């Protein structure tokens, strides 16, 4: 087994020959990971429920007024940003709203990274496209990504609602004044954090849809 993946299954020896025992260990490991993930997702949703509803109300108000969502992140969090943009623009139900992933344009990302610096790849896009009344949503497992903090700082200057999703204890995103709201999945595992963040983003989307439906009913 490659050293690069040893951390996933530390109980597997390089010269493992006992297949039945190995399969039992693998099944137990998968069950333990699933149980840990389920517990973290349930706990995170319960702890974040009030904050999710507060954020949803603000987001829905901005969407109803023509605001747009800009999502961004690095690595695995970049795929989360892509997924969120698609969820809002092509929802399985409810009302589609304007959303864009700031990691989807490879030409823009590489040009900004090469010409200006990778710390600027999201903030410069918000300078170009963001307006007061929009929403900036950044994903990070550590909460410390410099390009996210710079993007939130720029967004805050422009009257853009800033929402962060972080892990561990929240990192810089949890205390930075440029982040209006930070949803934290408290875990030491990157994998479990991203799974809990996925649950948070779907809960937030569902709450936004409820808020939008209520606004339509009132009008």
C-alpha atoms as a PDB file:
ATOM      1  CA  UNK A   1       0.000   0.000   0.000  1.00  0.00           C
ATOM      2  CA  UNK A   2       1.289   3.464  -0.883  1.00  0.00           C
ATOM      3  CA  UNK A   3       2.672   5.602   1.940  1.00  0.00           C
ATOM      4  CA  UNK A   4       0.472   8.429   0.672  1.00  0.00           C
ATOM      5  CA  UNK A   5      -2.677   6.531   1.669  1.00  0.00           C
ATOM      6  CA  UNK A   6      -1.442   4.711   4.785  1.00  0.00           C
ATOM      7  CA  UNK A   7      -3.346   7.145   7.021  1.00  0.00           C
ATOM      8  CA  UNK A   8      -6.680   5.971   5.612  1.00  0.00           C
ATOM      9  CA  UNK A   9      -6.266   2.387   6.798  1.00  0.00           C
ATOM     10  CA  UNK A  10      -3.376   2.274   9.312  1.00  0.00           C
ATOM     11  CA  UNK A  11      -4.249  -1.281  10.309  1.00  0.00           C
ATOM     12  CA  UNK A  12      -3.286  -2.687   6.883  1.00  0.00           C
ATOM     13  CA  UNK A  13       0.277  -3.970   6.739  1.00  0.00           C
ATOM     14  CA  UNK A  14       2.226  -3.836   3.501  1.00  0.00           C
ATOM     15  CA  UNK A  15       2.573  -7.635   3.475  1.00  0.00           C
ATOM     16  CA  UNK A  16      -1.029  -8.359   4.543  1.00  0.00           C
ATOM     17  CA  UNK A  17      -2.046 -11.906   3.535  1.00  0.00           C
ATOM     18  CA  UNK A  18      -5.017 -12.710   5.797  1.00  0.00           C
ATOM     19  CA  UNK A  19      -7.843 -11.658   3.428  1.00  0.00           C
ATOM     20  CA  UNK A  20     -10.842 -12.614   5.646  1.00  0.00           C
ATOM     21  CA  UNK A  21      -9.498 -10.671   8.633  1.00  0.00           C
ATOM     22  CA  UNK A  22      -8.607  -7.754   6.374  1.00  0.00           C
ATOM     23  CA  UNK A  23     -12.153  -7.604   4.996  1.00  0.00           C
ATOM     24  CA  UNK A  24     -13.570  -7.604   8.524  1.00  0.00           C
ATOM     25  CA  UNK A  25     -11.237  -4.753   9.498  1.00  0.00           C
ATOM     26  CA  UNK A  26     -12.164  -2.771   6.381  1.00  0.00           C
ATOM     27  CA  UNK A  27     -15.887  -3.218   7.039  1.00  0.00           C
ATOM     28  CA  UNK A  28     -15.464  -2.128  10.661  1.00  0.00           C
ATOM     29  CA  UNK A  29     -13.453   0.896   9.579  1.00  0.00           C
ATOM     30  CA  UNK A  30     -16.141   1.926   7.087  1.00  0.00           C
ATOM     31  CA  UNK A  31     -18.872   1.536   9.716  1.00  0.00           C
ATOM     32  CA  UNK A  32     -16.892   3.577  12.248  1.00  0.00           C
ATOM     33  CA  UNK A  33     -16.307   6.370   9.730  1.00  0.00           C
ATOM     34  CA  UNK A  34     -19.985   6.423   8.746  1.00  0.00           C
ATOM     35  CA  UNK A  35     -21.073   6.538  12.391  1.00  0.00           C
ATOM     36  CA  UNK A  36     -18.595   9.323  13.159  1.00  0.00           C
ATOM     37  CA  UNK A  37     -19.770  11.269  10.105  1.00  0.00           C
ATOM     38  CA  UNK A  38     -23.429  10.870  10.999  1.00  0.00           C
ATOM     39  CA  UNK A  39     -22.881  12.000  14.570  1.00  0.00           C
ATOM     40  CA  UNK A  40     -20.909  15.074  13.487  1.00  0.00           C
ATOM     41  CA  UNK A  41     -23.480  16.030  10.857  1.00  0.00           C
ATOM     42  CA  UNK A  42     -26.347  15.695  13.324  1.00  0.00           C
ATOM     43  CA  UNK A  43     -24.530  17.644  16.024  1.00  0.00           C
ATOM     44  CA  UNK A  44     -23.433  20.385  13.615  1.00  0.00           C
ATOM     45  CA  UNK A  45     -26.933  20.834  12.206  1.00  0.00           C
ATOM     46  CA  UNK A  46     -28.439  21.006  15.683  1.00  0.00           C
ATOM     47  CA  UNK A  47     -25.887  23.518  16.960  1.00  0.00           C
ATOM     48  CA  UNK A  48     -26.162  25.658  13.817  1.00  0.00           C
ATOM     49  CA  UNK A  49     -29.933  25.619  13.340  1.00  0.00           C
ATOM     50  CA  UNK A  50     -30.638  29.130  14.639  1.00  0.00           C
ATOM     51  CA  UNK A  51     -27.697  30.619  12.757  1.00  0.00           C
ATOM     52  CA  UNK A  52     -28.673  28.820   9.550  1.00  0.00           C
ATOM     53  CA  UNK A  53     -32.143  30.359   9.737  1.00  0.00           C
ATOM     54  CA  UNK A  54     -30.727  33.829  10.381  1.00  0.00           C
ATOM     55  CA  UNK A  55     -28.374  33.536   7.401  1.00  0.00           C
ATOM     56  CA  UNK A  56     -31.159  32.131   5.223  1.00  0.00           C
ATOM     57  CA  UNK A  57     -33.383  35.111   5.968  1.00  0.00           C
ATOM     58  CA  UNK A  58     -30.662  37.565   4.977  1.00  0.00           C
ATOM     59  CA  UNK A  59     -29.763  35.613   1.854  1.00  0.00           C
ATOM     60  CA  UNK A  60     -33.381  35.298   0.739  1.00  0.00           C
ATOM     61  CA  UNK A  61     -33.945  39.008   1.223  1.00  0.00           C
ATOM     62  CA  UNK A  62     -30.961  39.720  -0.996  1.00  0.00           C
ATOM     63  CA  UNK A  63     -31.983  37.178  -3.624  1.00  0.00           C
ATOM     64  CA  UNK A  64     -35.476  38.676  -3.746  1.00  0.00           C
ATOM     65  CA  UNK A  65     -33.914  42.076  -4.398  1.00  0.00           C
ATOM     66  CA  UNK A  66     -31.782  40.765  -7.270  1.00  0.00           C
ATOM     67  CA  UNK A  67     -28.673  39.754  -5.344  1.00  0.00           C
ATOM     68  CA  UNK A  68     -26.335  37.018  -6.523  1.00  0.00           C
ATOM     69  CA  UNK A  69     -24.360  34.340  -4.699  1.00  0.00           C
ATOM     70  CA  UNK A  70     -20.617  33.979  -5.285  1.00  0.00           C
ATOM     71  CA  UNK A  71     -19.103  30.745  -3.921  1.00  0.00           C
ATOM     72  CA  UNK A  72     -15.406  29.917  -3.635  1.00  0.00           C
ATOM     73  CA  UNK A  73     -12.857  27.656  -1.970  1.00  0.00           C
ATOM     74  CA  UNK A  74      -9.620  25.734  -2.547  1.00  0.00           C
ATOM     75  CA  UNK A  75      -9.051  22.083  -3.347  1.00  0.00           C
ATOM     76  CA  UNK A  76     -11.940  19.932  -2.172  1.00  0.00           C
ATOM     77  CA  UNK A  77     -13.667  23.104  -1.021  1.00  0.00           C
ATOM     78  CA  UNK A  78     -13.566  24.316  -4.625  1.00  0.00           C
ATOM     79  CA  UNK A  79     -15.754  21.382  -5.620  1.00  0.00           C
ATOM     80  CA  UNK A  80     -18.074  22.297  -2.744  1.00  0.00           C
ATOM     81  CA  UNK A  81     -18.316  25.817  -4.168  1.00  0.00           C
ATOM     82  CA  UNK A  82     -19.159  24.406  -7.591  1.00  0.00           C
ATOM     83  CA  UNK A  83     -21.835  22.192  -6.065  1.00  0.00           C
ATOM     84  CA  UNK A  84     -23.422  25.040  -4.133  1.00  0.00           C
ATOM     85  CA  UNK A  85     -23.584  27.270  -7.212  1.00  0.00           C
ATOM     86  CA  UNK A  86     -25.309  24.474  -9.108  1.00  0.00           C
ATOM     87  CA  UNK A  87     -27.696  23.777  -6.218  1.00  0.00           C
ATOM     88  CA  UNK A  88     -28.903  27.377  -6.192  1.00  0.00           C
ATOM     89  CA  UNK A  89     -29.101  27.847  -9.967  1.00  0.00           C
ATOM     90  CA  UNK A  90     -30.509  24.382 -10.760  1.00  0.00           C
ATOM     91  CA  UNK A  91     -32.373  23.355  -7.602  1.00  0.00           C
ATOM     92  CA  UNK A  92     -34.170  20.006  -7.358  1.00  0.00           C
ATOM     93  CA  UNK A  93     -37.216  21.990  -6.242  1.00  0.00           C
ATOM     94  CA  UNK A  94     -38.155  25.543  -5.385  1.00  0.00           C
ATOM     95  CA  UNK A  95     -36.953  28.718  -7.040  1.00  0.00           C
ATOM     96  CA  UNK A  96     -33.661  29.013  -8.959  1.00  0.00           C
ATOM     97  CA  UNK A  97     -31.591  32.061  -8.045  1.00  0.00           C
ATOM     98  CA  UNK A  98     -28.470  33.685  -9.438  1.00  0.00           C
ATOM     99  CA  UNK A  99     -25.255  32.027  -8.268  1.00  0.00           C
ATOM    100  CA  UNK A 100     -21.733  31.608  -9.577  1.00  0.00           C
ATOM    101  CA  UNK A 101     -18.683  29.597  -8.548  1.00  0.00           C
ATOM    102  CA  UNK A 102     -15.519  31.693  -8.615  1.00  0.00           C
ATOM    103  CA  UNK A 103     -13.413  28.586  -9.244  1.00  0.00           C
ATOM    104  CA  UNK A 104     -15.124  27.465 -12.438  1.00  0.00           C
ATOM    105  CA  UNK A 105     -13.205  29.654 -14.934  1.00  0.00           C
ATOM    106  CA  UNK A 106      -9.747  28.107 -15.270  1.00  0.00           C
ATOM    107  CA  UNK A 107      -8.492  30.924 -17.465  1.00  0.00           C
ATOM    108  CA  UNK A 108      -9.404  33.569 -14.890  1.00  0.00           C
ATOM    109  CA  UNK A 109      -8.005  31.575 -11.958  1.00  0.00           C
ATOM    110  CA  UNK A 110      -4.679  30.855 -13.666  1.00  0.00           C
ATOM    111  CA  UNK A 111      -4.324  34.378 -15.044  1.00  0.00           C
ATOM    112  CA  UNK A 112      -4.899  35.983 -11.653  1.00  0.00           C
ATOM    113  CA  UNK A 113      -2.715  33.427  -9.887  1.00  0.00           C
ATOM    114  CA  UNK A 114       0.137  33.900 -12.341  1.00  0.00           C
ATOM    115  CA  UNK A 115      -0.055  37.659 -12.884  1.00  0.00           C
ATOM    116  CA  UNK A 116      -1.115  38.954  -9.470  1.00  0.00           C
ATOM    117  CA  UNK A 117      -0.811  36.119  -6.961  1.00  0.00           C
ATOM    118  CA  UNK A 118      -3.005  33.268  -5.817  1.00  0.00           C
ATOM    119  CA  UNK A 119      -4.082  35.130  -2.699  1.00  0.00           C
ATOM    120  CA  UNK A 120      -6.021  37.460  -5.011  1.00  0.00           C
ATOM    121  CA  UNK A 121      -7.885  34.959  -7.189  1.00  0.00           C
ATOM    122  CA  UNK A 122     -11.233  35.425  -5.440  1.00  0.00           C
ATOM    123  CA  UNK A 123     -11.032  39.023  -4.244  1.00  0.00           C
ATOM    124  CA  UNK A 124     -10.244  40.300  -7.743  1.00  0.00           C
ATOM    125  CA  UNK A 125     -13.280  38.493  -9.153  1.00  0.00           C
ATOM    126  CA  UNK A 126     -15.477  40.062  -6.495  1.00  0.00           C
ATOM    127  CA  UNK A 127     -14.062  43.477  -7.433  1.00  0.00           C
ATOM    128  CA  UNK A 128     -15.065  42.792 -11.037  1.00  0.00           C
ATOM    129  CA  UNK A 129     -18.483  41.248 -10.486  1.00  0.00           C
ATOM    130  CA  UNK A 130     -19.713  41.931  -6.939  1.00  0.00           C
ATOM    131  CA  UNK A 131     -22.216  44.609  -5.986  1.00  0.00           C
ATOM    132  CA  UNK A 132     -23.915  45.697  -2.765  1.00  0.00           C
ATOM    133  CA  UNK A 133     -26.690  43.238  -2.002  1.00  0.00           C
ATOM    134  CA  UNK A 134     -24.785  40.191  -3.270  1.00  0.00           C
ATOM    135  CA  UNK A 135     -23.613  37.241  -1.144  1.00  0.00           C
ATOM    136  CA  UNK A 136     -20.073  35.826  -0.836  1.00  0.00           C
ATOM    137  CA  UNK A 137     -19.858  32.261   0.488  1.00  0.00           C
ATOM    138  CA  UNK A 138     -16.419  30.789   1.176  1.00  0.00           C
ATOM    139  CA  UNK A 139     -15.552  27.180   2.039  1.00  0.00           C
ATOM    140  CA  UNK A 140     -12.497  26.085   4.027  1.00  0.00           C
ATOM    141  CA  UNK A 141     -11.729  23.183   6.319  1.00  0.00           C
ATOM    142  CA  UNK A 142      -9.133  25.133   8.322  1.00  0.00           C
ATOM    143  CA  UNK A 143     -10.763  28.561   8.140  1.00  0.00           C
ATOM    144  CA  UNK A 144      -7.328  30.072   7.554  1.00  0.00           C
ATOM    145  CA  UNK A 145      -7.009  30.321   3.762  1.00  0.00           C
ATOM    146  CA  UNK A 146      -5.529  33.703   2.944  1.00  0.00           C
ATOM    147  CA  UNK A 147      -7.335  34.056  -0.389  1.00  0.00           C
ATOM    148  CA  UNK A 148     -10.677  33.527   1.373  1.00  0.00           C
ATOM    149  CA  UNK A 149      -9.917  36.119   4.045  1.00  0.00           C
ATOM    150  CA  UNK A 150      -8.897  38.593   1.340  1.00  0.00           C
ATOM    151  CA  UNK A 151     -12.102  37.868  -0.580  1.00  0.00           C
ATOM    152  CA  UNK A 152     -14.241  38.392   2.518  1.00  0.00           C
ATOM    153  CA  UNK A 153     -12.423  41.641   3.281  1.00  0.00           C
ATOM    154  CA  UNK A 154     -13.082  42.931  -0.228  1.00  0.00           C
ATOM    155  CA  UNK A 155     -16.688  41.757  -0.151  1.00  0.00           C
ATOM    156  CA  UNK A 156     -17.337  43.499   3.167  1.00  0.00           C
ATOM    157  CA  UNK A 157     -16.065  46.780   1.714  1.00  0.00           C
ATOM    158  CA  UNK A 158     -18.579  46.457  -1.104  1.00  0.00           C
ATOM    159  CA  UNK A 159     -21.674  45.791   0.985  1.00  0.00           C
ATOM    160  CA  UNK A 160     -21.720  42.091   0.164  1.00  0.00           C
ATOM    161  CA  UNK A 161     -23.063  39.649   2.770  1.00  0.00           C
ATOM    162  CA  UNK A 162     -20.219  37.318   3.796  1.00  0.00           C
ATOM    163  CA  UNK A 163     -20.811  33.719   4.883  1.00  0.00           C
ATOM    164  CA  UNK A 164     -18.017  31.306   5.771  1.00  0.00           C
ATOM    165  CA  UNK A 165     -18.039  27.564   6.321  1.00  0.00           C
ATOM    166  CA  UNK A 166     -15.117  26.261   8.324  1.00  0.00           C
ATOM    167  CA  UNK A 167     -13.905  23.312  10.373  1.00  0.00           C
ATOM    168  CA  UNK A 168     -11.789  22.589  13.447  1.00  0.00           C
ATOM    169  CA  UNK A 169     -12.558  25.534  15.785  1.00  0.00           C
ATOM    170  CA  UNK A 170     -13.339  27.947  12.955  1.00  0.00           C
ATOM    171  CA  UNK A 171      -9.869  29.386  12.363  1.00  0.00           C
ATOM    172  CA  UNK A 172      -9.479  32.989  11.241  1.00  0.00           C
ATOM    173  CA  UNK A 173     -12.867  32.934   9.545  1.00  0.00           C
ATOM    174  CA  UNK A 174     -14.608  32.561  12.912  1.00  0.00           C
ATOM    175  CA  UNK A 175     -13.065  35.737  14.343  1.00  0.00           C
ATOM    176  CA  UNK A 176     -12.398  37.947  11.318  1.00  0.00           C
ATOM    177  CA  UNK A 177     -14.671  40.990  11.284  1.00  0.00           C
ATOM    178  CA  UNK A 178     -15.087  40.781   7.520  1.00  0.00           C
ATOM    179  CA  UNK A 179     -17.037  37.499   7.931  1.00  0.00           C
ATOM    180  CA  UNK A 180     -20.652  38.289   8.867  1.00  0.00           C
ATOM    181  CA  UNK A 181     -21.543  34.676   9.666  1.00  0.00           C
ATOM    182  CA  UNK A 182     -19.391  31.580  10.101  1.00  0.00           C
ATOM    183  CA  UNK A 183     -20.796  28.058  10.249  1.00  0.00           C
ATOM    184  CA  UNK A 184     -18.330  25.694  11.897  1.00  0.00           C
ATOM    185  CA  UNK A 185     -18.169  21.892  11.647  1.00  0.00           C
ATOM    186  CA  UNK A 186     -16.121  21.122  14.754  1.00  0.00           C
ATOM    187  CA  UNK A 187     -13.908  18.163  13.946  1.00  0.00           C
ATOM    188  CA  UNK A 188     -10.225  17.350  13.540  1.00  0.00           C
ATOM    189  CA  UNK A 189     -10.838  15.309  10.379  1.00  0.00           C
ATOM    190  CA  UNK A 190     -10.863  17.063   7.003  1.00  0.00           C
ATOM    191  CA  UNK A 191     -13.070  14.316   5.592  1.00  0.00           C
ATOM    192  CA  UNK A 192     -15.684  14.579   8.330  1.00  0.00           C
ATOM    193  CA  UNK A 193     -15.609  18.393   8.164  1.00  0.00           C
ATOM    194  CA  UNK A 194     -16.415  18.425   4.467  1.00  0.00           C
ATOM    195  CA  UNK A 195     -19.208  15.900   4.949  1.00  0.00           C
ATOM    196  CA  UNK A 196     -20.735  18.052   7.688  1.00  0.00           C
ATOM    197  CA  UNK A 197     -20.325  21.165   5.552  1.00  0.00           C
ATOM    198  CA  UNK A 198     -22.263  19.455   2.778  1.00  0.00           C
ATOM    199  CA  UNK A 199     -25.125  18.874   5.210  1.00  0.00           C
ATOM    200  CA  UNK A 200     -24.939  22.507   6.339  1.00  0.00           C
ATOM    201  CA  UNK A 201     -25.076  23.863   2.795  1.00  0.00           C
ATOM    202  CA  UNK A 202     -28.130  21.767   1.954  1.00  0.00           C
ATOM    203  CA  UNK A 203     -29.853  22.805   5.181  1.00  0.00           C
ATOM    204  CA  UNK A 204     -29.067  26.442   4.375  1.00  0.00           C
ATOM    205  CA  UNK A 205     -30.361  26.092   0.817  1.00  0.00           C
ATOM    206  CA  UNK A 206     -33.604  24.520   2.081  1.00  0.00           C
ATOM    207  CA  UNK A 207     -34.032  27.343   4.614  1.00  0.00           C
ATOM    208  CA  UNK A 208     -33.420  29.938   1.888  1.00  0.00           C
ATOM    209  CA  UNK A 209     -36.127  28.315  -0.213  1.00  0.00           C
ATOM    210  CA  UNK A 210     -38.550  28.485   2.726  1.00  0.00           C
ATOM    211  CA  UNK A 211     -37.744  32.158   3.201  1.00  0.00           C
ATOM    212  CA  UNK A 212     -38.191  32.900  -0.500  1.00  0.00           C
ATOM    213  CA  UNK A 213     -41.569  31.133  -0.510  1.00  0.00           C
ATOM    214  CA  UNK A 214     -42.635  33.200   2.502  1.00  0.00           C
ATOM    215  CA  UNK A 215     -41.586  36.433   0.761  1.00  0.00           C
ATOM    216  CA  UNK A 216     -43.605  35.480  -2.319  1.00  0.00           C
ATOM    217  CA  UNK A 217     -46.647  34.670  -0.173  1.00  0.00           C
ATOM    218  CA  UNK A 218     -46.465  38.048   1.553  1.00  0.00           C
ATOM    219  CA  UNK A 219     -46.141  39.960  -1.714  1.00  0.00           C
END
